Amino acid sequence: MDLSQKSLENMEYMIEKIKEKLKVLNFDVMKSSHFDETLYEELRDLYEMVMRKSSFSPNEMQAIVEELGNLRKR
């Protein structure tokens, strides 16, 4: 998958992978349509950071969830 290309499909893929990696149950409400496409690069940066790490502290998980919240459409 070429994540350098902005697309709804790529956003959906990254969000799903972040949800899987974090194993957070209430992420079901997060859908790619909830995110602002103009912030695609920020989402990709967050995705790449999450994929690099093997585990997360509770504080890191909270920060990631907050950042995802910041990327949502207002």
PDB file of N, CA and C in Angstrom:
ATOM      1  N   MET A   1       0.856  -1.177   0.000  1.00  0.00           N
ATOM      2  CA  MET A   1       0.000   0.000   0.000  1.00  0.00           C
ATOM      3  C   MET A   1       0.898   1.235   0.000  1.00  0.00           C
ATOM      4  N   ASP A   2       0.609   2.165  -0.871  1.00  0.00           N
ATOM      5  CA  ASP A   2       1.396   3.382  -0.994  1.00  0.00           C
ATOM      6  C   ASP A   2       0.742   4.489  -0.176  1.00  0.00           C
ATOM      7  N   LEU A   3       1.217   4.671   1.046  1.00  0.00           N
ATOM      8  CA  LEU A   3       0.610   5.655   1.933  1.00  0.00           C
ATOM      9  C   LEU A   3       1.030   7.082   1.617  1.00  0.00           C
ATOM     10  N   SER A   4       1.923   7.243   0.646  1.00  0.00           N
ATOM     11  CA  SER A   4       2.310   8.599   0.252  1.00  0.00           C
ATOM     12  C   SER A   4       1.207   9.273  -0.561  1.00  0.00           C
ATOM     13  N   GLN A   5       0.242   8.494  -1.025  1.00  0.00           N
ATOM     14  CA  GLN A   5      -0.890   9.022  -1.793  1.00  0.00           C
ATOM     15  C   GLN A   5      -2.070   9.307  -0.867  1.00  0.00           C
ATOM     16  N   LYS A   6      -2.537  10.537  -0.858  1.00  0.00           N
ATOM     17  CA  LYS A   6      -3.705  10.894  -0.049  1.00  0.00           C
ATOM     18  C   LYS A   6      -4.931  10.223  -0.625  1.00  0.00           C
ATOM     19  N   SER A   7      -5.588   9.438   0.205  1.00  0.00           N
ATOM     20  CA  SER A   7      -6.855   8.849  -0.221  1.00  0.00           C
ATOM     21  C   SER A   7      -7.642   8.418   1.007  1.00  0.00           C
ATOM     22  N   LEU A   8      -8.943   8.343   0.844  1.00  0.00           N
ATOM     23  CA  LEU A   8      -9.813   7.881   1.915  1.00  0.00           C
ATOM     24  C   LEU A   8      -9.464   6.443   2.282  1.00  0.00           C
ATOM     25  N   GLU A   9      -9.139   5.646   1.293  1.00  0.00           N
ATOM     26  CA  GLU A   9      -8.770   4.244   1.525  1.00  0.00           C
ATOM     27  C   GLU A   9      -7.512   4.151   2.401  1.00  0.00           C
ATOM     28  N   ASN A  10      -6.526   4.980   2.112  1.00  0.00           N
ATOM     29  CA  ASN A  10      -5.298   4.964   2.911  1.00  0.00           C
ATOM     30  C   ASN A  10      -5.567   5.452   4.330  1.00  0.00           C
ATOM     31  N   MET A  11      -6.413   6.460   4.474  1.00  0.00           N
ATOM     32  CA  MET A  11      -6.766   6.939   5.805  1.00  0.00           C
ATOM     33  C   MET A  11      -7.464   5.838   6.592  1.00  0.00           C
ATOM     34  N   GLU A  12      -8.377   5.153   5.953  1.00  0.00           N
ATOM     35  CA  GLU A  12      -9.098   4.054   6.584  1.00  0.00           C
ATOM     36  C   GLU A  12      -8.129   2.964   7.028  1.00  0.00           C
ATOM     37  N   TYR A  13      -7.194   2.608   6.162  1.00  0.00           N
ATOM     38  CA  TYR A  13      -6.197   1.588   6.467  1.00  0.00           C
ATOM     39  C   TYR A  13      -5.371   1.985   7.696  1.00  0.00           C
ATOM     40  N   MET A  14      -4.859   3.225   7.714  1.00  0.00           N
ATOM     41  CA  MET A  14      -4.018   3.668   8.825  1.00  0.00           C
ATOM     42  C   MET A  14      -4.789   3.691  10.139  1.00  0.00           C
ATOM     43  N   ILE A  15      -6.018   4.168  10.102  1.00  0.00           N
ATOM     44  CA  ILE A  15      -6.838   4.223  11.309  1.00  0.00           C
ATOM     45  C   ILE A  15      -7.105   2.815  11.830  1.00  0.00           C
ATOM     46  N   GLU A  16      -7.434   1.892  10.944  1.00  0.00           N
ATOM     47  CA  GLU A  16      -7.684   0.513  11.363  1.00  0.00           C
ATOM     48  C   GLU A  16      -6.439  -0.115  11.984  1.00  0.00           C
ATOM     49  N   LYS A  17      -5.278   0.136  11.394  1.00  0.00           N
ATOM     50  CA  LYS A  17      -4.028  -0.428  11.917  1.00  0.00           C
ATOM     51  C   LYS A  17      -3.686   0.177  13.272  1.00  0.00           C
ATOM     52  N   ILE A  18      -3.926   1.468  13.453  1.00  0.00           N
ATOM     53  CA  ILE A  18      -3.688   2.101  14.749  1.00  0.00           C
ATOM     54  C   ILE A  18      -4.617   1.486  15.790  1.00  0.00           C
ATOM     55  N   LYS A  19      -5.887   1.309  15.440  1.00  0.00           N
ATOM     56  CA  LYS A  19      -6.855   0.709  16.357  1.00  0.00           C
ATOM     57  C   LYS A  19      -6.425  -0.700  16.748  1.00  0.00           C
ATOM     58  N   GLU A  20      -5.978  -1.490  15.774  1.00  0.00           N
ATOM     59  CA  GLU A  20      -5.525  -2.856  16.055  1.00  0.00           C
ATOM     60  C   GLU A  20      -4.312  -2.852  16.979  1.00  0.00           C
ATOM     61  N   LYS A  21      -3.366  -2.003  16.700  1.00  0.00           N
ATOM     62  CA  LYS A  21      -2.121  -1.962  17.464  1.00  0.00           C
ATOM     63  C   LYS A  21      -2.372  -1.526  18.907  1.00  0.00           C
ATOM     64  N   LEU A  22      -3.255  -0.562  19.098  1.00  0.00           N
ATOM     65  CA  LEU A  22      -3.521  -0.055  20.440  1.00  0.00           C
ATOM     66  C   LEU A  22      -4.495  -0.932  21.220  1.00  0.00           C
ATOM     67  N   LYS A  23      -5.263  -1.740  20.505  1.00  0.00           N
ATOM     68  CA  LYS A  23      -6.241  -2.641  21.135  1.00  0.00           C
ATOM     69  C   LYS A  23      -7.198  -1.887  22.051  1.00  0.00           C
ATOM     70  N   VAL A  24      -7.664  -0.764  21.580  1.00  0.00           N
ATOM     71  CA  VAL A  24      -8.614   0.046  22.341  1.00  0.00           C
ATOM     72  C   VAL A  24     -10.015  -0.283  21.860  1.00  0.00           C
ATOM     73  N   LEU A  25     -10.876  -0.659  22.779  1.00  0.00           N
ATOM     74  CA  LEU A  25     -12.209  -1.139  22.420  1.00  0.00           C
ATOM     75  C   LEU A  25     -13.142  -0.056  21.898  1.00  0.00           C
ATOM     76  N   ASN A  26     -13.096   1.134  22.451  1.00  0.00           N
ATOM     77  CA  ASN A  26     -14.068   2.152  22.060  1.00  0.00           C
ATOM     78  C   ASN A  26     -13.666   2.911  20.803  1.00  0.00           C
ATOM     79  N   PHE A  27     -12.709   2.397  20.053  1.00  0.00           N
ATOM     80  CA  PHE A  27     -12.294   3.029  18.808  1.00  0.00           C
ATOM     81  C   PHE A  27     -13.276   2.753  17.672  1.00  0.00           C
ATOM     82  N   ASP A  28     -14.298   1.945  17.916  1.00  0.00           N
ATOM     83  CA  ASP A  28     -15.257   1.625  16.857  1.00  0.00           C
ATOM     84  C   ASP A  28     -15.943   2.870  16.311  1.00  0.00           C
ATOM     85  N   VAL A  29     -16.003   3.903  17.105  1.00  0.00           N
ATOM     86  CA  VAL A  29     -16.659   5.130  16.647  1.00  0.00           C
ATOM     87  C   VAL A  29     -15.764   5.935  15.711  1.00  0.00           C
ATOM     88  N   MET A  30     -14.486   5.587  15.633  1.00  0.00           N
ATOM     89  CA  MET A  30     -13.564   6.317  14.762  1.00  0.00           C
ATOM     90  C   MET A  30     -13.566   5.716  13.369  1.00  0.00           C
ATOM     91  N   LYS A  31     -13.959   6.518  12.420  1.00  0.00           N
ATOM     92  CA  LYS A  31     -13.983   6.098  11.022  1.00  0.00           C
ATOM     93  C   LYS A  31     -13.197   7.111  10.214  1.00  0.00           C
ATOM     94  N   SER A  32     -12.708   6.681   9.088  1.00  0.00           N
ATOM     95  CA  SER A  32     -11.900   7.575   8.255  1.00  0.00           C
ATOM     96  C   SER A  32     -12.677   8.815   7.847  1.00  0.00           C
ATOM     97  N   SER A  33     -13.990   8.696   7.714  1.00  0.00           N
ATOM     98  CA  SER A  33     -14.797   9.849   7.324  1.00  0.00           C
ATOM     99  C   SER A  33     -14.846  10.920   8.415  1.00  0.00           C
ATOM    100  N   HIS A  34     -14.435  10.569   9.617  1.00  0.00           N
ATOM    101  CA  HIS A  34     -14.412  11.523  10.718  1.00  0.00           C
ATOM    102  C   HIS A  34     -13.157  12.391  10.710  1.00  0.00           C
ATOM    103  N   PHE A  35     -12.225  12.081   9.824  1.00  0.00           N
ATOM    104  CA  PHE A  35     -10.944  12.770   9.827  1.00  0.00           C
ATOM    105  C   PHE A  35     -10.835  13.740   8.659  1.00  0.00           C
ATOM    106  N   ASP A  36     -10.149  14.815   8.913  1.00  0.00           N
ATOM    107  CA  ASP A  36      -9.956  15.872   7.937  1.00  0.00           C
ATOM    108  C   ASP A  36      -8.841  15.462   6.976  1.00  0.00           C
ATOM    109  N   GLU A  37      -9.158  15.360   5.695  1.00  0.00           N
ATOM    110  CA  GLU A  37      -8.160  14.947   4.701  1.00  0.00           C
ATOM    111  C   GLU A  37      -6.996  15.917   4.599  1.00  0.00           C
ATOM    112  N   THR A  38      -7.203  17.168   4.989  1.00  0.00           N
ATOM    113  CA  THR A  38      -6.104  18.128   4.918  1.00  0.00           C
ATOM    114  C   THR A  38      -5.028  17.809   5.961  1.00  0.00           C
ATOM    115  N   LEU A  39      -5.367  16.963   6.927  1.00  0.00           N
ATOM    116  CA  LEU A  39      -4.409  16.569   7.959  1.00  0.00           C
ATOM    117  C   LEU A  39      -3.853  15.170   7.699  1.00  0.00           C
ATOM    118  N   TYR A  40      -3.877  14.760   6.450  1.00  0.00           N
ATOM    119  CA  TYR A  40      -3.420  13.422   6.059  1.00  0.00           C
ATOM    120  C   TYR A  40      -1.988  13.158   6.522  1.00  0.00           C
ATOM    121  N   GLU A  41      -1.096  14.111   6.297  1.00  0.00           N
ATOM    122  CA  GLU A  41       0.320  13.918   6.650  1.00  0.00           C
ATOM    123  C   GLU A  41       0.490  13.709   8.153  1.00  0.00           C
ATOM    124  N   GLU A  42      -0.277  14.450   8.958  1.00  0.00           N
ATOM    125  CA  GLU A  42      -0.208  14.291  10.404  1.00  0.00           C
ATOM    126  C   GLU A  42      -0.679  12.896  10.809  1.00  0.00           C
ATOM    127  N   LEU A  43      -1.749  12.423  10.172  1.00  0.00           N
ATOM    128  CA  LEU A  43      -2.233  11.073  10.448  1.00  0.00           C
ATOM    129  C   LEU A  43      -1.178  10.045  10.058  1.00  0.00           C
ATOM    130  N   ARG A  44      -0.541  10.238   8.926  1.00  0.00           N
ATOM    131  CA  ARG A  44       0.487   9.301   8.485  1.00  0.00           C
ATOM    132  C   ARG A  44       1.675   9.306   9.448  1.00  0.00           C
ATOM    133  N   ASP A  45       2.072  10.474   9.932  1.00  0.00           N
ATOM    134  CA  ASP A  45       3.161  10.550  10.911  1.00  0.00           C
ATOM    135  C   ASP A  45       2.800   9.783  12.184  1.00  0.00           C
ATOM    136  N   LEU A  46       1.564   9.962  12.652  1.00  0.00           N
ATOM    137  CA  LEU A  46       1.111   9.260  13.846  1.00  0.00           C
ATOM    138  C   LEU A  46       1.085   7.755  13.594  1.00  0.00           C
ATOM    139  N   TYR A  47       0.571   7.350  12.445  1.00  0.00           N
ATOM    140  CA  TYR A  47       0.538   5.936  12.068  1.00  0.00           C
ATOM    141  C   TYR A  47       1.945   5.335  12.084  1.00  0.00           C
ATOM    142  N   GLU A  48       2.901   6.027  11.473  1.00  0.00           N
ATOM    143  CA  GLU A  48       4.266   5.504  11.396  1.00  0.00           C
ATOM    144  C   GLU A  48       4.888   5.384  12.779  1.00  0.00           C
ATOM    145  N   MET A  49       4.623   6.340  13.654  1.00  0.00           N
ATOM    146  CA  MET A  49       5.143   6.277  15.015  1.00  0.00           C
ATOM    147  C   MET A  49       4.546   5.092  15.772  1.00  0.00           C
ATOM    148  N   VAL A  50       3.245   4.897  15.634  1.00  0.00           N
ATOM    149  CA  VAL A  50       2.570   3.791  16.321  1.00  0.00           C
ATOM    150  C   VAL A  50       3.088   2.451  15.809  1.00  0.00           C
ATOM    151  N   MET A  51       3.296   2.332  14.519  1.00  0.00           N
ATOM    152  CA  MET A  51       3.744   1.063  13.949  1.00  0.00           C
ATOM    153  C   MET A  51       5.186   0.724  14.348  1.00  0.00           C
ATOM    154  N   ARG A  52       5.990   1.726  14.647  1.00  0.00           N
ATOM    155  CA  ARG A  52       7.391   1.485  15.041  1.00  0.00           C
ATOM    156  C   ARG A  52       7.517   0.913  16.444  1.00  0.00           C
ATOM    157  N   LYS A  53       6.587   1.231  17.315  1.00  0.00           N
ATOM    158  CA  LYS A  53       6.701   0.826  18.715  1.00  0.00           C
ATOM    159  C   LYS A  53       6.049  -0.541  18.937  1.00  0.00           C
ATOM    160  N   SER A  54       6.630  -1.290  19.867  1.00  0.00           N
ATOM    161  CA  SER A  54       6.071  -2.611  20.161  1.00  0.00           C
ATOM    162  C   SER A  54       5.084  -2.573  21.321  1.00  0.00           C
ATOM    163  N   SER A  55       5.208  -1.574  22.188  1.00  0.00           N
ATOM    164  CA  SER A  55       4.266  -1.448  23.303  1.00  0.00           C
ATOM    165  C   SER A  55       4.137   0.029  23.686  1.00  0.00           C
ATOM    166  N   PHE A  56       3.092   0.308  24.443  1.00  0.00           N
ATOM    167  CA  PHE A  56       2.780   1.685  24.809  1.00  0.00           C
ATOM    168  C   PHE A  56       2.432   1.765  26.283  1.00  0.00           C
ATOM    169  N   SER A  57       2.908   2.814  26.928  1.00  0.00           N
ATOM    170  CA  SER A  57       2.510   3.069  28.306  1.00  0.00           C
ATOM    171  C   SER A  57       1.095   3.649  28.276  1.00  0.00           C
ATOM    172  N   PRO A  58       0.410   3.621  29.409  1.00  0.00           N
ATOM    173  CA  PRO A  58      -0.922   4.241  29.438  1.00  0.00           C
ATOM    174  C   PRO A  58      -0.879   5.723  29.030  1.00  0.00           C
ATOM    175  N   ASN A  59       0.156   6.435  29.442  1.00  0.00           N
ATOM    176  CA  ASN A  59       0.272   7.851  29.069  1.00  0.00           C
ATOM    177  C   ASN A  59       0.459   8.013  27.564  1.00  0.00           C
ATOM    178  N   GLU A  60       1.247   7.135  26.955  1.00  0.00           N
ATOM    179  CA  GLU A  60       1.446   7.198  25.506  1.00  0.00           C
ATOM    180  C   GLU A  60       0.142   6.912  24.774  1.00  0.00           C
ATOM    181  N   MET A  61      -0.601   5.916  25.254  1.00  0.00           N
ATOM    182  CA  MET A  61      -1.881   5.592  24.614  1.00  0.00           C
ATOM    183  C   MET A  61      -2.836   6.768  24.710  1.00  0.00           C
ATOM    184  N   GLN A  62      -2.867   7.415  25.868  1.00  0.00           N
ATOM    185  CA  GLN A  62      -3.740   8.572  26.035  1.00  0.00           C
ATOM    186  C   GLN A  62      -3.331   9.689  25.082  1.00  0.00           C
ATOM    187  N   ALA A  63      -2.034   9.918  24.942  1.00  0.00           N
ATOM    188  CA  ALA A  63      -1.548  10.973  24.043  1.00  0.00           C
ATOM    189  C   ALA A  63      -1.908  10.661  22.594  1.00  0.00           C
ATOM    190  N   ILE A  64      -1.812   9.407  22.198  1.00  0.00           N
ATOM    191  CA  ILE A  64      -2.151   9.006  20.829  1.00  0.00           C
ATOM    192  C   ILE A  64      -3.643   9.222  20.573  1.00  0.00           C
ATOM    193  N   VAL A  65      -4.460   8.816  21.520  1.00  0.00           N
ATOM    194  CA  VAL A  65      -5.912   8.996  21.378  1.00  0.00           C
ATOM    195  C   VAL A  65      -6.250  10.482  21.309  1.00  0.00           C
ATOM    196  N   GLU A  66      -5.593  11.285  22.131  1.00  0.00           N
ATOM    197  CA  GLU A  66      -5.826  12.734  22.081  1.00  0.00           C
ATOM    198  C   GLU A  66      -5.414  13.313  20.733  1.00  0.00           C
ATOM    199  N   GLU A  67      -4.298  12.853  20.219  1.00  0.00           N
ATOM    200  CA  GLU A  67      -3.838  13.350  18.911  1.00  0.00           C
ATOM    201  C   GLU A  67      -4.820  12.943  17.815  1.00  0.00           C
ATOM    202  N   LEU A  68      -5.330  11.723  17.872  1.00  0.00           N
ATOM    203  CA  LEU A  68      -6.350  11.313  16.902  1.00  0.00           C
ATOM    204  C   LEU A  68      -7.581  12.219  17.022  1.00  0.00           C
ATOM    205  N   GLY A  69      -7.928  12.563  18.249  1.00  0.00           N
ATOM    206  CA  GLY A  69      -9.051  13.473  18.452  1.00  0.00           C
ATOM    207  C   GLY A  69      -8.793  14.840  17.824  1.00  0.00           C
ATOM    208  N   ASN A  70      -7.551  15.294  17.893  1.00  0.00           N
ATOM    209  CA  ASN A  70      -7.194  16.585  17.284  1.00  0.00           C
ATOM    210  C   ASN A  70      -7.284  16.540  15.768  1.00  0.00           C
ATOM    211  N   LEU A  71      -7.133  15.371  15.187  1.00  0.00           N
ATOM    212  CA  LEU A  71      -7.158  15.229  13.726  1.00  0.00           C
ATOM    213  C   LEU A  71      -8.578  15.059  13.183  1.00  0.00           C
ATOM    214  N   ARG A  72      -9.536  14.891  14.072  1.00  0.00           N
ATOM    215  CA  ARG A  72     -10.916  14.719  13.623  1.00  0.00           C
ATOM    216  C   ARG A  72     -11.483  16.016  13.095  1.00  0.00           C
ATOM    217  N   LYS A  73     -12.457  15.889  12.212  1.00  0.00           N
ATOM    218  CA  LYS A  73     -13.158  17.059  11.666  1.00  0.00           C
ATOM    219  C   LYS A  73     -13.902  17.745  12.781  1.00  0.00           C
ATOM    220  N   ARG A  74     -13.961  19.033  12.706  1.00  0.00           N
ATOM    221  CA  ARG A  74     -14.672  19.832  13.732  1.00  0.00           C
ATOM    222  C   ARG A  74     -16.037  20.196  13.230  1.00  0.00           C
TER     223      ARG A  74
END
